[in-house]
């Protein structure tokens, strides 16, 4: 059977949901133990293969991309990244400075 701490038993616990059961109500630890004891390797692989036939990897990746873009937009509106740190000024040498250069310690010992 499958290793009790194995990813395959855990994957089955995650992807297989009994009809009428809400995902949040699943006992993942109990299901993982059950699948580890009761399901052979070939059957587990077949179940995972069927999951990916129904839920194509590219559609899963597309959905993740959409979610990521949505998060970027939300974060971008809350934290604008294009604010200048300090205005530019002209130094006596004629060079332009945007500030931020340290001042030397004059007169301190």
PDB file of N, CA and C in Angstrom:
ATOM      1  N   UNK A   1       0.826  -1.182   0.000  1.00  0.00           N
ATOM      2  CA  UNK A   1       0.000   0.000   0.000  1.00  0.00           C
ATOM      3  C   UNK A   1       0.878   1.257   0.000  1.00  0.00           C
ATOM      4  N   UNK A   2       0.273   2.416   0.092  1.00  0.00           N
ATOM      5  CA  UNK A   2       1.006   3.681   0.014  1.00  0.00           C
ATOM      6  C   UNK A   2       1.643   4.032   1.354  1.00  0.00           C
ATOM      7  N   UNK A   3       2.740   4.762   1.306  1.00  0.00           N
ATOM      8  CA  UNK A   3       3.387   5.205   2.547  1.00  0.00           C
ATOM      9  C   UNK A   3       2.462   6.165   3.284  1.00  0.00           C
ATOM     10  N   UNK A   4       2.335   5.988   4.603  1.00  0.00           N
ATOM     11  CA  UNK A   4       1.420   6.824   5.389  1.00  0.00           C
ATOM     12  C   UNK A   4       1.774   8.300   5.321  1.00  0.00           C
ATOM     13  N   UNK A   5       3.047   8.612   5.243  1.00  0.00           N
ATOM     14  CA  UNK A   5       3.450  10.009   5.183  1.00  0.00           C
ATOM     15  C   UNK A   5       3.713  10.462   3.746  1.00  0.00           C
ATOM     16  N   UNK A   6       3.321   9.631   2.788  1.00  0.00           N
ATOM     17  CA  UNK A   6       3.601   9.921   1.391  1.00  0.00           C
ATOM     18  C   UNK A   6       2.700  10.979   0.791  1.00  0.00           C
ATOM     19  N   UNK A   7       3.235  11.620  -0.224  1.00  0.00           N
ATOM     20  CA  UNK A   7       2.490  12.662  -0.915  1.00  0.00           C
ATOM     21  C   UNK A   7       1.334  12.107  -1.733  1.00  0.00           C
ATOM     22  N   UNK A   8       1.454  10.887  -2.202  1.00  0.00           N
ATOM     23  CA  UNK A   8       0.401  10.316  -3.038  1.00  0.00           C
ATOM     24  C   UNK A   8      -0.885  10.102  -2.236  1.00  0.00           C
ATOM     25  N   UNK A   9      -0.773   9.562  -1.031  1.00  0.00           N
ATOM     26  CA  UNK A   9      -1.951   9.380  -0.176  1.00  0.00           C
ATOM     27  C   UNK A   9      -2.557  10.733   0.173  1.00  0.00           C
ATOM     28  N   UNK A  10      -1.709  11.718   0.430  1.00  0.00           N
ATOM     29  CA  UNK A  10      -2.197  13.067   0.753  1.00  0.00           C
ATOM     30  C   UNK A  10      -2.877  13.682  -0.464  1.00  0.00           C
ATOM     31  N   UNK A  11      -2.307  13.475  -1.648  1.00  0.00           N
ATOM     32  CA  UNK A  11      -2.918  13.996  -2.871  1.00  0.00           C
ATOM     33  C   UNK A  11      -4.314  13.417  -3.056  1.00  0.00           C
ATOM     34  N   UNK A  12      -4.472  12.127  -2.813  1.00  0.00           N
ATOM     35  CA  UNK A  12      -5.799  11.515  -2.920  1.00  0.00           C
ATOM     36  C   UNK A  12      -6.758  12.139  -1.917  1.00  0.00           C
ATOM     37  N   UNK A  13      -6.285  12.372  -0.709  1.00  0.00           N
ATOM     38  CA  UNK A  13      -7.132  12.983   0.318  1.00  0.00           C
ATOM     39  C   UNK A  13      -7.594  14.374  -0.101  1.00  0.00           C
ATOM     40  N   UNK A  14      -6.753  15.078  -0.804  1.00  0.00           N
ATOM     41  CA  UNK A  14      -7.094  16.429  -1.239  1.00  0.00           C
ATOM     42  C   UNK A  14      -8.025  16.411  -2.449  1.00  0.00           C
ATOM     43  N   UNK A  15      -7.713  15.601  -3.462  1.00  0.00           N
ATOM     44  CA  UNK A  15      -8.465  15.684  -4.720  1.00  0.00           C
ATOM     45  C   UNK A  15      -9.768  14.904  -4.716  1.00  0.00           C
ATOM     46  N   UNK A  16      -9.888  13.879  -3.892  1.00  0.00           N
ATOM     47  CA  UNK A  16     -11.121  13.091  -3.867  1.00  0.00           C
ATOM     48  C   UNK A  16     -12.036  13.598  -2.758  1.00  0.00           C
ATOM     49  N   UNK A  17     -13.228  14.022  -3.153  1.00  0.00           N
ATOM     50  CA  UNK A  17     -14.194  14.543  -2.193  1.00  0.00           C
ATOM     51  C   UNK A  17     -15.509  13.813  -2.385  1.00  0.00           C
ATOM     52  N   UNK A  18     -16.012  13.244  -1.313  1.00  0.00           N
ATOM     53  CA  UNK A  18     -17.278  12.523  -1.374  1.00  0.00           C
ATOM     54  C   UNK A  18     -18.408  13.486  -1.732  1.00  0.00           C
ATOM     55  N   UNK A  19     -19.313  13.033  -2.587  1.00  0.00           N
ATOM     56  CA  UNK A  19     -20.422  13.868  -3.026  1.00  0.00           C
ATOM     57  C   UNK A  19     -21.197  14.361  -1.802  1.00  0.00           C
ATOM     58  N   UNK A  20     -21.482  15.649  -1.793  1.00  0.00           N
ATOM     59  CA  UNK A  20     -22.225  16.247  -0.695  1.00  0.00           C
ATOM     60  C   UNK A  20     -21.355  16.738   0.454  1.00  0.00           C
ATOM     61  N   UNK A  21     -20.049  16.471   0.375  1.00  0.00           N
ATOM     62  CA  UNK A  21     -19.131  16.914   1.427  1.00  0.00           C
ATOM     63  C   UNK A  21     -18.478  18.224   1.010  1.00  0.00           C
ATOM     64  N   UNK A  22     -18.469  19.185   1.911  1.00  0.00           N
ATOM     65  CA  UNK A  22     -17.785  20.444   1.638  1.00  0.00           C
ATOM     66  C   UNK A  22     -16.293  20.221   1.844  1.00  0.00           C
ATOM     67  N   UNK A  23     -15.503  20.831   0.998  1.00  0.00           N
ATOM     68  CA  UNK A  23     -14.053  20.646   1.052  1.00  0.00           C
ATOM     69  C   UNK A  23     -13.515  21.021   2.430  1.00  0.00           C
ATOM     70  N   UNK A  24     -14.009  22.104   2.997  1.00  0.00           N
ATOM     71  CA  UNK A  24     -13.499  22.545   4.305  1.00  0.00           C
ATOM     72  C   UNK A  24     -13.850  21.586   5.435  1.00  0.00           C
ATOM     73  N   UNK A  25     -14.834  20.704   5.205  1.00  0.00           N
ATOM     74  CA  UNK A  25     -15.246  19.747   6.231  1.00  0.00           C
ATOM     75  C   UNK A  25     -14.509  18.416   6.139  1.00  0.00           C
ATOM     76  N   UNK A  26     -13.602  18.284   5.185  1.00  0.00           N
ATOM     77  CA  UNK A  26     -12.886  17.019   4.998  1.00  0.00           C
ATOM     78  C   UNK A  26     -11.874  16.789   6.114  1.00  0.00           C
ATOM     79  N   UNK A  27     -11.740  15.541   6.531  1.00  0.00           N
ATOM     80  CA  UNK A  27     -10.720  15.134   7.502  1.00  0.00           C
ATOM     81  C   UNK A  27      -9.507  14.656   6.710  1.00  0.00           C
ATOM     82  N   UNK A  28      -8.633  15.585   6.357  1.00  0.00           N
ATOM     83  CA  UNK A  28      -7.495  15.249   5.499  1.00  0.00           C
ATOM     84  C   UNK A  28      -6.560  14.237   6.144  1.00  0.00           C
ATOM     85  N   UNK A  29      -6.338  14.359   7.439  1.00  0.00           N
ATOM     86  CA  UNK A  29      -5.444  13.410   8.116  1.00  0.00           C
ATOM     87  C   UNK A  29      -6.037  12.001   8.086  1.00  0.00           C
ATOM     88  N   UNK A  30      -7.328  11.897   8.398  1.00  0.00           N
ATOM     89  CA  UNK A  30      -7.989  10.593   8.382  1.00  0.00           C
ATOM     90  C   UNK A  30      -8.029   9.985   6.994  1.00  0.00           C
ATOM     91  N   UNK A  31      -8.338  10.820   6.007  1.00  0.00           N
ATOM     92  CA  UNK A  31      -8.378  10.335   4.625  1.00  0.00           C
ATOM     93  C   UNK A  31      -6.992   9.911   4.145  1.00  0.00           C
ATOM     94  N   UNK A  32      -5.971  10.673   4.520  1.00  0.00           N
ATOM     95  CA  UNK A  32      -4.603  10.309   4.137  1.00  0.00           C
ATOM     96  C   UNK A  32      -4.245   8.940   4.698  1.00  0.00           C
ATOM     97  N   UNK A  33      -4.563   8.715   5.965  1.00  0.00           N
ATOM     98  CA  UNK A  33      -4.290   7.405   6.587  1.00  0.00           C
ATOM     99  C   UNK A  33      -5.076   6.297   5.895  1.00  0.00           C
ATOM    100  N   UNK A  34      -6.348   6.575   5.604  1.00  0.00           N
ATOM    101  CA  UNK A  34      -7.194   5.582   4.941  1.00  0.00           C
ATOM    102  C   UNK A  34      -6.612   5.197   3.585  1.00  0.00           C
ATOM    103  N   UNK A  35      -6.292   6.213   2.769  1.00  0.00           N
ATOM    104  CA  UNK A  35      -5.766   5.930   1.432  1.00  0.00           C
ATOM    105  C   UNK A  35      -4.415   5.223   1.504  1.00  0.00           C
ATOM    106  N   UNK A  36      -3.603   5.577   2.486  1.00  0.00           N
ATOM    107  CA  UNK A  36      -2.296   4.926   2.637  1.00  0.00           C
ATOM    108  C   UNK A  36      -2.461   3.439   2.926  1.00  0.00           C
ATOM    109  N   UNK A  37      -3.497   3.079   3.681  1.00  0.00           N
ATOM    110  CA  UNK A  37      -3.707   1.677   4.057  1.00  0.00           C
ATOM    111  C   UNK A  37      -4.506   0.885   3.023  1.00  0.00           C
ATOM    112  N   UNK A  38      -5.421   1.538   2.340  1.00  0.00           N
ATOM    113  CA  UNK A  38      -6.387   0.814   1.516  1.00  0.00           C
ATOM    114  C   UNK A  38      -6.168   0.876   0.009  1.00  0.00           C
ATOM    115  N   UNK A  39      -5.369   1.814  -0.472  1.00  0.00           N
ATOM    116  CA  UNK A  39      -5.243   2.012  -1.921  1.00  0.00           C
ATOM    117  C   UNK A  39      -3.847   1.598  -2.379  1.00  0.00           C
ATOM    118  N   UNK A  40      -3.806   0.824  -3.462  1.00  0.00           N
ATOM    119  CA  UNK A  40      -2.501   0.442  -4.002  1.00  0.00           C
ATOM    120  C   UNK A  40      -1.964   1.550  -4.911  1.00  0.00           C
ATOM    121  N   UNK A  41      -0.696   1.457  -5.216  1.00  0.00           N
ATOM    122  CA  UNK A  41       0.008   2.489  -5.973  1.00  0.00           C
ATOM    123  C   UNK A  41      -0.622   2.736  -7.347  1.00  0.00           C
ATOM    124  N   UNK A  42      -0.936   1.673  -8.074  1.00  0.00           N
ATOM    125  CA  UNK A  42      -1.500   1.807  -9.430  1.00  0.00           C
ATOM    126  C   UNK A  42      -2.842   2.532  -9.395  1.00  0.00           C
ATOM    127  N   UNK A  43      -3.683   2.207  -8.424  1.00  0.00           N
ATOM    128  CA  UNK A  43      -4.991   2.862  -8.306  1.00  0.00           C
ATOM    129  C   UNK A  43      -4.821   4.338  -7.959  1.00  0.00           C
ATOM    130  N   UNK A  44      -3.875   4.635  -7.067  1.00  0.00           N
ATOM    131  CA  UNK A  44      -3.614   6.026  -6.688  1.00  0.00           C
ATOM    132  C   UNK A  44      -3.157   6.842  -7.893  1.00  0.00           C
ATOM    133  N   UNK A  45      -2.240   6.284  -8.671  1.00  0.00           N
ATOM    134  CA  UNK A  45      -1.769   6.982  -9.872  1.00  0.00           C
ATOM    135  C   UNK A  45      -2.900   7.201 -10.869  1.00  0.00           C
ATOM    136  N   UNK A  46      -3.769   6.222 -11.012  1.00  0.00           N
ATOM    137  CA  UNK A  46      -4.913   6.354 -11.923  1.00  0.00           C
ATOM    138  C   UNK A  46      -5.839   7.485 -11.467  1.00  0.00           C
ATOM    139  N   UNK A  47      -6.075   7.580 -10.168  1.00  0.00           N
ATOM    140  CA  UNK A  47      -6.934   8.647  -9.637  1.00  0.00           C
ATOM    141  C   UNK A  47      -6.321  10.021  -9.894  1.00  0.00           C
ATOM    142  N   UNK A  48      -5.024  10.149  -9.684  1.00  0.00           N
ATOM    143  CA  UNK A  48      -4.345  11.422  -9.929  1.00  0.00           C
ATOM    144  C   UNK A  48      -4.373  11.752 -11.420  1.00  0.00           C
ATOM    145  N   UNK A  49      -4.159  10.755 -12.273  1.00  0.00           N
ATOM    146  CA  UNK A  49      -4.212  10.975 -13.726  1.00  0.00           C
ATOM    147  C   UNK A  49      -5.599  11.447 -14.149  1.00  0.00           C
ATOM    148  N   UNK A  50      -6.638  10.836 -13.601  1.00  0.00           N
ATOM    149  CA  UNK A  50      -8.016  11.245 -13.917  1.00  0.00           C
ATOM    150  C   UNK A  50      -8.270  12.682 -13.472  1.00  0.00           C
ATOM    151  N   UNK A  51      -7.756  13.040 -12.303  1.00  0.00           N
ATOM    152  CA  UNK A  51      -7.911  14.410 -11.814  1.00  0.00           C
ATOM    153  C   UNK A  51      -7.342  15.401 -12.821  1.00  0.00           C
ATOM    154  N   UNK A  52      -6.145  15.103 -13.341  1.00  0.00           N
ATOM    155  CA  UNK A  52      -5.521  16.025 -14.282  1.00  0.00           C
ATOM    156  C   UNK A  52      -6.132  15.956 -15.679  1.00  0.00           C
ATOM    157  N   UNK A  53      -6.847  14.890 -16.005  1.00  0.00           N
ATOM    158  CA  UNK A  53      -7.598  14.864 -17.262  1.00  0.00           C
ATOM    159  C   UNK A  53      -8.798  15.799 -17.160  1.00  0.00           C
ATOM    160  N   UNK A  54      -9.428  15.811 -16.005  1.00  0.00           N
ATOM    161  CA  UNK A  54     -10.596  16.675 -15.790  1.00  0.00           C
ATOM    162  C   UNK A  54     -10.155  18.119 -15.574  1.00  0.00           C
ATOM    163  N   UNK A  55      -9.137  18.315 -14.795  1.00  0.00           N
ATOM    164  CA  UNK A  55      -8.610  19.643 -14.458  1.00  0.00           C
ATOM    165  C   UNK A  55      -7.267  19.809 -15.146  1.00  0.00           C
ATOM    166  N   UNK A  56      -7.307  20.236 -16.384  1.00  0.00           N
ATOM    167  CA  UNK A  56      -6.093  20.356 -17.189  1.00  0.00           C
ATOM    168  C   UNK A  56      -5.074  21.260 -16.499  1.00  0.00           C
ATOM    169  N   UNK A  57      -3.806  20.853 -16.469  1.00  0.00           N
ATOM    170  CA  UNK A  57      -2.775  21.676 -15.822  1.00  0.00           C
ATOM    171  C   UNK A  57      -2.719  23.101 -16.366  1.00  0.00           C
ATOM    172  N   UNK A  58      -2.899  23.254 -17.677  1.00  0.00           N
ATOM    173  CA  UNK A  58      -2.840  24.609 -18.231  1.00  0.00           C
ATOM    174  C   UNK A  58      -3.993  25.476 -17.734  1.00  0.00           C
ATOM    175  N   UNK A  59      -5.182  24.887 -17.520  1.00  0.00           N
ATOM    176  CA  UNK A  59      -6.291  25.686 -17.001  1.00  0.00           C
ATOM    177  C   UNK A  59      -6.051  26.048 -15.541  1.00  0.00           C
ATOM    178  N   UNK A  60      -5.413  25.148 -14.795  1.00  0.00           N
ATOM    179  CA  UNK A  60      -5.066  25.452 -13.407  1.00  0.00           C
ATOM    180  C   UNK A  60      -4.035  26.578 -13.383  1.00  0.00           C
ATOM    181  N   UNK A  61      -3.022  26.490 -14.242  1.00  0.00           N
ATOM    182  CA  UNK A  61      -2.000  27.536 -14.299  1.00  0.00           C
ATOM    183  C   UNK A  61      -2.587  28.867 -14.760  1.00  0.00           C
ATOM    184  N   UNK A  62      -3.516  28.826 -15.728  1.00  0.00           N
ATOM    185  CA  UNK A  62      -4.168  30.058 -16.177  1.00  0.00           C
ATOM    186  C   UNK A  62      -4.928  30.715 -15.033  1.00  0.00           C
ATOM    187  N   UNK A  63      -5.621  29.912 -14.255  1.00  0.00           N
ATOM    188  CA  UNK A  63      -6.380  30.449 -13.119  1.00  0.00           C
ATOM    189  C   UNK A  63      -5.438  31.044 -12.076  1.00  0.00           C
ATOM    190  N   UNK A  64      -4.323  30.373 -11.804  1.00  0.00           N
ATOM    191  CA  UNK A  64      -3.339  30.912 -10.862  1.00  0.00           C
ATOM    192  C   UNK A  64      -2.761  32.233 -11.368  1.00  0.00           C
ATOM    193  N   UNK A  65      -2.534  32.326 -12.676  1.00  0.00           N
ATOM    194  CA  UNK A  65      -2.032  33.564 -13.266  1.00  0.00           C
ATOM    195  C   UNK A  65      -3.042  34.687 -13.085  1.00  0.00           C
ATOM    196  N   UNK A  66      -4.328  34.395 -13.317  1.00  0.00           N
ATOM    197  CA  UNK A  66      -5.376  35.397 -13.117  1.00  0.00           C
ATOM    198  C   UNK A  66      -5.406  35.876 -11.670  1.00  0.00           C
ATOM    199  N   UNK A  67      -5.304  34.948 -10.739  1.00  0.00           N
ATOM    200  CA  UNK A  67      -5.305  35.315  -9.323  1.00  0.00           C
ATOM    201  C   UNK A  67      -4.102  36.184  -8.974  1.00  0.00           C
ATOM    202  N   UNK A  68      -2.944  35.829  -9.513  1.00  0.00           N
ATOM    203  CA  UNK A  68      -1.728  36.595  -9.253  1.00  0.00           C
ATOM    204  C   UNK A  68      -1.854  38.011  -9.796  1.00  0.00           C
ATOM    205  N   UNK A  69      -2.371  38.150 -11.001  1.00  0.00           N
ATOM    206  CA  UNK A  69      -2.551  39.473 -11.601  1.00  0.00           C
ATOM    207  C   UNK A  69      -3.518  40.309 -10.774  1.00  0.00           C
ATOM    208  N   UNK A  70      -4.590  39.683 -10.305  1.00  0.00           N
ATOM    209  CA  UNK A  70      -5.548  40.385  -9.453  1.00  0.00           C
ATOM    210  C   UNK A  70      -4.899  40.884  -8.174  1.00  0.00           C
ATOM    211  N   UNK A  71      -4.058  40.052  -7.581  1.00  0.00           N
ATOM    212  CA  UNK A  71      -3.347  40.461  -6.365  1.00  0.00           C
ATOM    213  C   UNK A  71      -2.386  41.609  -6.645  1.00  0.00           C
ATOM    214  N   UNK A  72      -1.700  41.543  -7.779  1.00  0.00           N
ATOM    215  CA  UNK A  72      -0.774  42.622  -8.132  1.00  0.00           C
ATOM    216  C   UNK A  72      -1.516  43.942  -8.271  1.00  0.00           C
ATOM    217  N   UNK A  73      -2.672  43.914  -8.913  1.00  0.00           N
ATOM    218  CA  UNK A  73      -3.460  45.139  -9.087  1.00  0.00           C
ATOM    219  C   UNK A  73      -3.919  45.674  -7.742  1.00  0.00           C
ATOM    220  N   UNK A  74      -4.382  44.781  -6.876  1.00  0.00           N
ATOM    221  CA  UNK A  74      -4.845  45.199  -5.553  1.00  0.00           C
ATOM    222  C   UNK A  74      -3.705  45.795  -4.744  1.00  0.00           C
ATOM    223  N   UNK A  75      -2.578  45.128  -4.732  1.00  0.00           N
ATOM    224  CA  UNK A  75      -1.425  45.613  -3.980  1.00  0.00           C
ATOM    225  C   UNK A  75      -0.898  46.904  -4.594  1.00  0.00           C
ATOM    226  N   UNK A  76      -0.886  46.980  -5.915  1.00  0.00           N
ATOM    227  CA  UNK A  76      -0.393  48.167  -6.603  1.00  0.00           C
ATOM    228  C   UNK A  76      -1.211  49.403  -6.296  1.00  0.00           C
ATOM    229  N   UNK A  77      -2.527  49.264  -6.117  1.00  0.00           N
ATOM    230  CA  UNK A  77      -3.356  50.425  -5.808  1.00  0.00           C
ATOM    231  C   UNK A  77      -3.208  50.842  -4.355  1.00  0.00           C
ATOM    232  N   UNK A  78      -2.832  49.925  -3.505  1.00  0.00           N
ATOM    233  CA  UNK A  78      -2.650  50.260  -2.091  1.00  0.00           C
ATOM    234  C   UNK A  78      -1.272  50.834  -1.809  1.00  0.00           C
ATOM    235  N   UNK A  79      -0.286  50.385  -2.568  1.00  0.00           N
ATOM    236  CA  UNK A  79       1.090  50.807  -2.346  1.00  0.00           C
ATOM    237  C   UNK A  79       1.702  51.278  -3.658  1.00  0.00           C
ATOM    238  N   UNK A  80       1.445  52.522  -4.059  1.00  0.00           N
ATOM    239  CA  UNK A  80       2.021  52.981  -5.327  1.00  0.00           C
ATOM    240  C   UNK A  80       3.543  52.962  -5.262  1.00  0.00           C
ATOM    241  N   UNK A  81       4.152  52.471  -6.332  1.00  0.00           N
ATOM    242  CA  UNK A  81       5.606  52.300  -6.341  1.00  0.00           C
ATOM    243  C   UNK A  81       6.336  53.438  -7.035  1.00  0.00           C
ATOM    244  N   UNK A  82       5.623  54.400  -7.606  1.00  0.00           N
ATOM    245  CA  UNK A  82       6.295  55.421  -8.402  1.00  0.00           C
ATOM    246  C   UNK A  82       6.451  56.746  -7.661  1.00  0.00           C
ATOM    247  N   UNK A  83       6.451  56.745  -6.337  1.00  0.00           N
ATOM    248  CA  UNK A  83       6.627  58.001  -5.615  1.00  0.00           C
ATOM    249  C   UNK A  83       8.115  58.297  -5.455  1.00  0.00           C
ATOM    250  N   UNK A  84       8.545  59.525  -5.806  1.00  0.00           N
ATOM    251  CA  UNK A  84       9.965  59.853  -5.690  1.00  0.00           C
ATOM    252  C   UNK A  84      10.369  59.978  -4.225  1.00  0.00           C
ATOM    253  N   UNK A  85      11.628  59.612  -3.934  1.00  0.00           N
ATOM    254  CA  UNK A  85      12.098  59.668  -2.557  1.00  0.00           C
ATOM    255  C   UNK A  85      12.417  61.100  -2.140  1.00  0.00           C
ATOM    256  N   UNK A  86      12.996  61.876  -3.026  1.00  0.00           N
ATOM    257  CA  UNK A  86      13.274  63.286  -2.741  1.00  0.00           C
ATOM    258  C   UNK A  86      13.477  64.003  -4.071  1.00  0.00           C
ATOM    259  N   UNK A  87      13.175  65.295  -4.109  1.00  0.00           N
ATOM    260  CA  UNK A  87      13.333  66.012  -5.378  1.00  0.00           C
ATOM    261  C   UNK A  87      14.805  66.180  -5.735  1.00  0.00           C
ATOM    262  N   UNK A  88      15.064  66.267  -7.040  1.00  0.00           N
ATOM    263  CA  UNK A  88      16.437  66.461  -7.506  1.00  0.00           C
ATOM    264  C   UNK A  88      16.860  67.900  -7.257  1.00  0.00           C
ATOM    265  N   UNK A  89      18.124  68.111  -6.982  1.00  0.00           N
ATOM    266  CA  UNK A  89      18.651  69.462  -6.817  1.00  0.00           C
ATOM    267  C   UNK A  89      20.010  69.543  -7.499  1.00  0.00           C
ATOM    268  N   UNK A  90      20.416  70.768  -7.836  1.00  0.00           N
ATOM    269  CA  UNK A  90      21.699  70.967  -8.500  1.00  0.00           C
ATOM    270  C   UNK A  90      22.756  71.295  -7.453  1.00  0.00           C
ATOM    271  N   UNK A  91      23.842  70.568  -7.488  1.00  0.00           N
ATOM    272  CA  UNK A  91      24.954  70.793  -6.571  1.00  0.00           C
ATOM    273  C   UNK A  91      25.809  71.947  -7.080  1.00  0.00           C
ATOM    274  N   UNK A  92      26.640  72.538  -6.195  1.00  0.00           N
ATOM    275  CA  UNK A  92      27.524  73.616  -6.653  1.00  0.00           C
ATOM    276  C   UNK A  92      28.401  73.216  -7.830  1.00  0.00           C
ATOM    277  N   UNK A  93      28.718  71.930  -7.953  1.00  0.00           N
ATOM    278  CA  UNK A  93      29.565  71.481  -9.060  1.00  0.00           C
ATOM    279  C   UNK A  93      28.795  71.404 -10.373  1.00  0.00           C
ATOM    280  N   UNK A  94      27.466  71.619 -10.317  1.00  0.00           N
ATOM    281  CA  UNK A  94      26.654  71.553 -11.523  1.00  0.00           C
ATOM    282  C   UNK A  94      26.039  70.191 -11.757  1.00  0.00           C
ATOM    283  N   UNK A  95      26.380  69.200 -10.916  1.00  0.00           N
ATOM    284  CA  UNK A  95      25.815  67.860 -11.049  1.00  0.00           C
ATOM    285  C   UNK A  95      24.449  67.823 -10.378  1.00  0.00           C
ATOM    286  N   UNK A  96      23.588  66.961 -10.881  1.00  0.00           N
ATOM    287  CA  UNK A  96      22.250  66.828 -10.310  1.00  0.00           C
ATOM    288  C   UNK A  96      22.259  65.727  -9.262  1.00  0.00           C
ATOM    289  N   UNK A  97      21.653  66.026  -8.121  1.00  0.00           N
ATOM    290  CA  UNK A  97      21.570  65.058  -7.030  1.00  0.00           C
ATOM    291  C   UNK A  97      20.108  64.822  -6.694  1.00  0.00           C
ATOM    292  N   UNK A  98      19.776  63.589  -6.358  1.00  0.00           N
ATOM    293  CA  UNK A  98      18.410  63.309  -5.911  1.00  0.00           C
ATOM    294  C   UNK A  98      18.375  63.182  -4.397  1.00  0.00           C
ATOM    295  N   UNK A  99      19.428  63.604  -3.736  1.00  0.00           N
ATOM    296  CA  UNK A  99      19.479  63.532  -2.276  1.00  0.00           C
ATOM    297  C   UNK A  99      19.983  62.189  -1.821  1.00  0.00           C
ATOM    298  N   UNK A 100      20.014  62.012  -0.526  1.00  0.00           N
ATOM    299  CA  UNK A 100      20.376  60.730   0.035  1.00  0.00           C
ATOM    300  C   UNK A 100      21.860  60.510   0.233  1.00  0.00           C
ATOM    301  N   UNK A 101      22.721  61.486  -0.133  1.00  0.00           N
ATOM    302  CA  UNK A 101      24.145  61.264   0.105  1.00  0.00           C
ATOM    303  C   UNK A 101      24.460  61.650   1.542  1.00  0.00           C
ATOM    304  N   UNK A 102      25.274  60.856   2.212  1.00  0.00           N
ATOM    305  CA  UNK A 102      25.566  61.132   3.617  1.00  0.00           C
ATOM    306  C   UNK A 102      26.382  62.406   3.787  1.00  0.00           C
ATOM    307  N   UNK A 103      26.149  63.091   4.911  1.00  0.00           N
ATOM    308  CA  UNK A 103      26.923  64.294   5.216  1.00  0.00           C
ATOM    309  C   UNK A 103      28.137  63.876   6.037  1.00  0.00           C
ATOM    310  N   UNK A 104      29.297  64.408   5.722  1.00  0.00           N
ATOM    311  CA  UNK A 104      30.491  64.023   6.477  1.00  0.00           C
ATOM    312  C   UNK A 104      30.395  64.530   7.912  1.00  0.00           C
ATOM    313  N   UNK A 105      31.039  63.803   8.826  1.00  0.00           N
ATOM    314  CA  UNK A 105      31.086  64.217  10.226  1.00  0.00           C
ATOM    315  C   UNK A 105      32.119  65.329  10.366  1.00  0.00           C
ATOM    316  N   UNK A 106      31.648  66.551  10.399  1.00  0.00           N
ATOM    317  CA  UNK A 106      32.545  67.697  10.504  1.00  0.00           C
ATOM    318  C   UNK A 106      32.523  68.174  11.944  1.00  0.00           C
ATOM    319  N   UNK A 107      33.676  68.322  12.513  1.00  0.00           N
ATOM    320  CA  UNK A 107      33.784  68.865  13.856  1.00  0.00           C
ATOM    321  C   UNK A 107      33.530  67.868  14.967  1.00  0.00           C
ATOM    322  N   UNK A 108      33.330  66.595  14.660  1.00  0.00           N
ATOM    323  CA  UNK A 108      33.133  65.595  15.699  1.00  0.00           C
ATOM    324  C   UNK A 108      34.416  64.805  15.897  1.00  0.00           C
ATOM    325  N   UNK A 109      34.720  64.501  17.124  1.00  0.00           N
ATOM    326  CA  UNK A 109      35.928  63.726  17.396  1.00  0.00           C
ATOM    327  C   UNK A 109      35.617  62.386  17.947  1.00  0.00           C
TER     328      UNK A 109
END
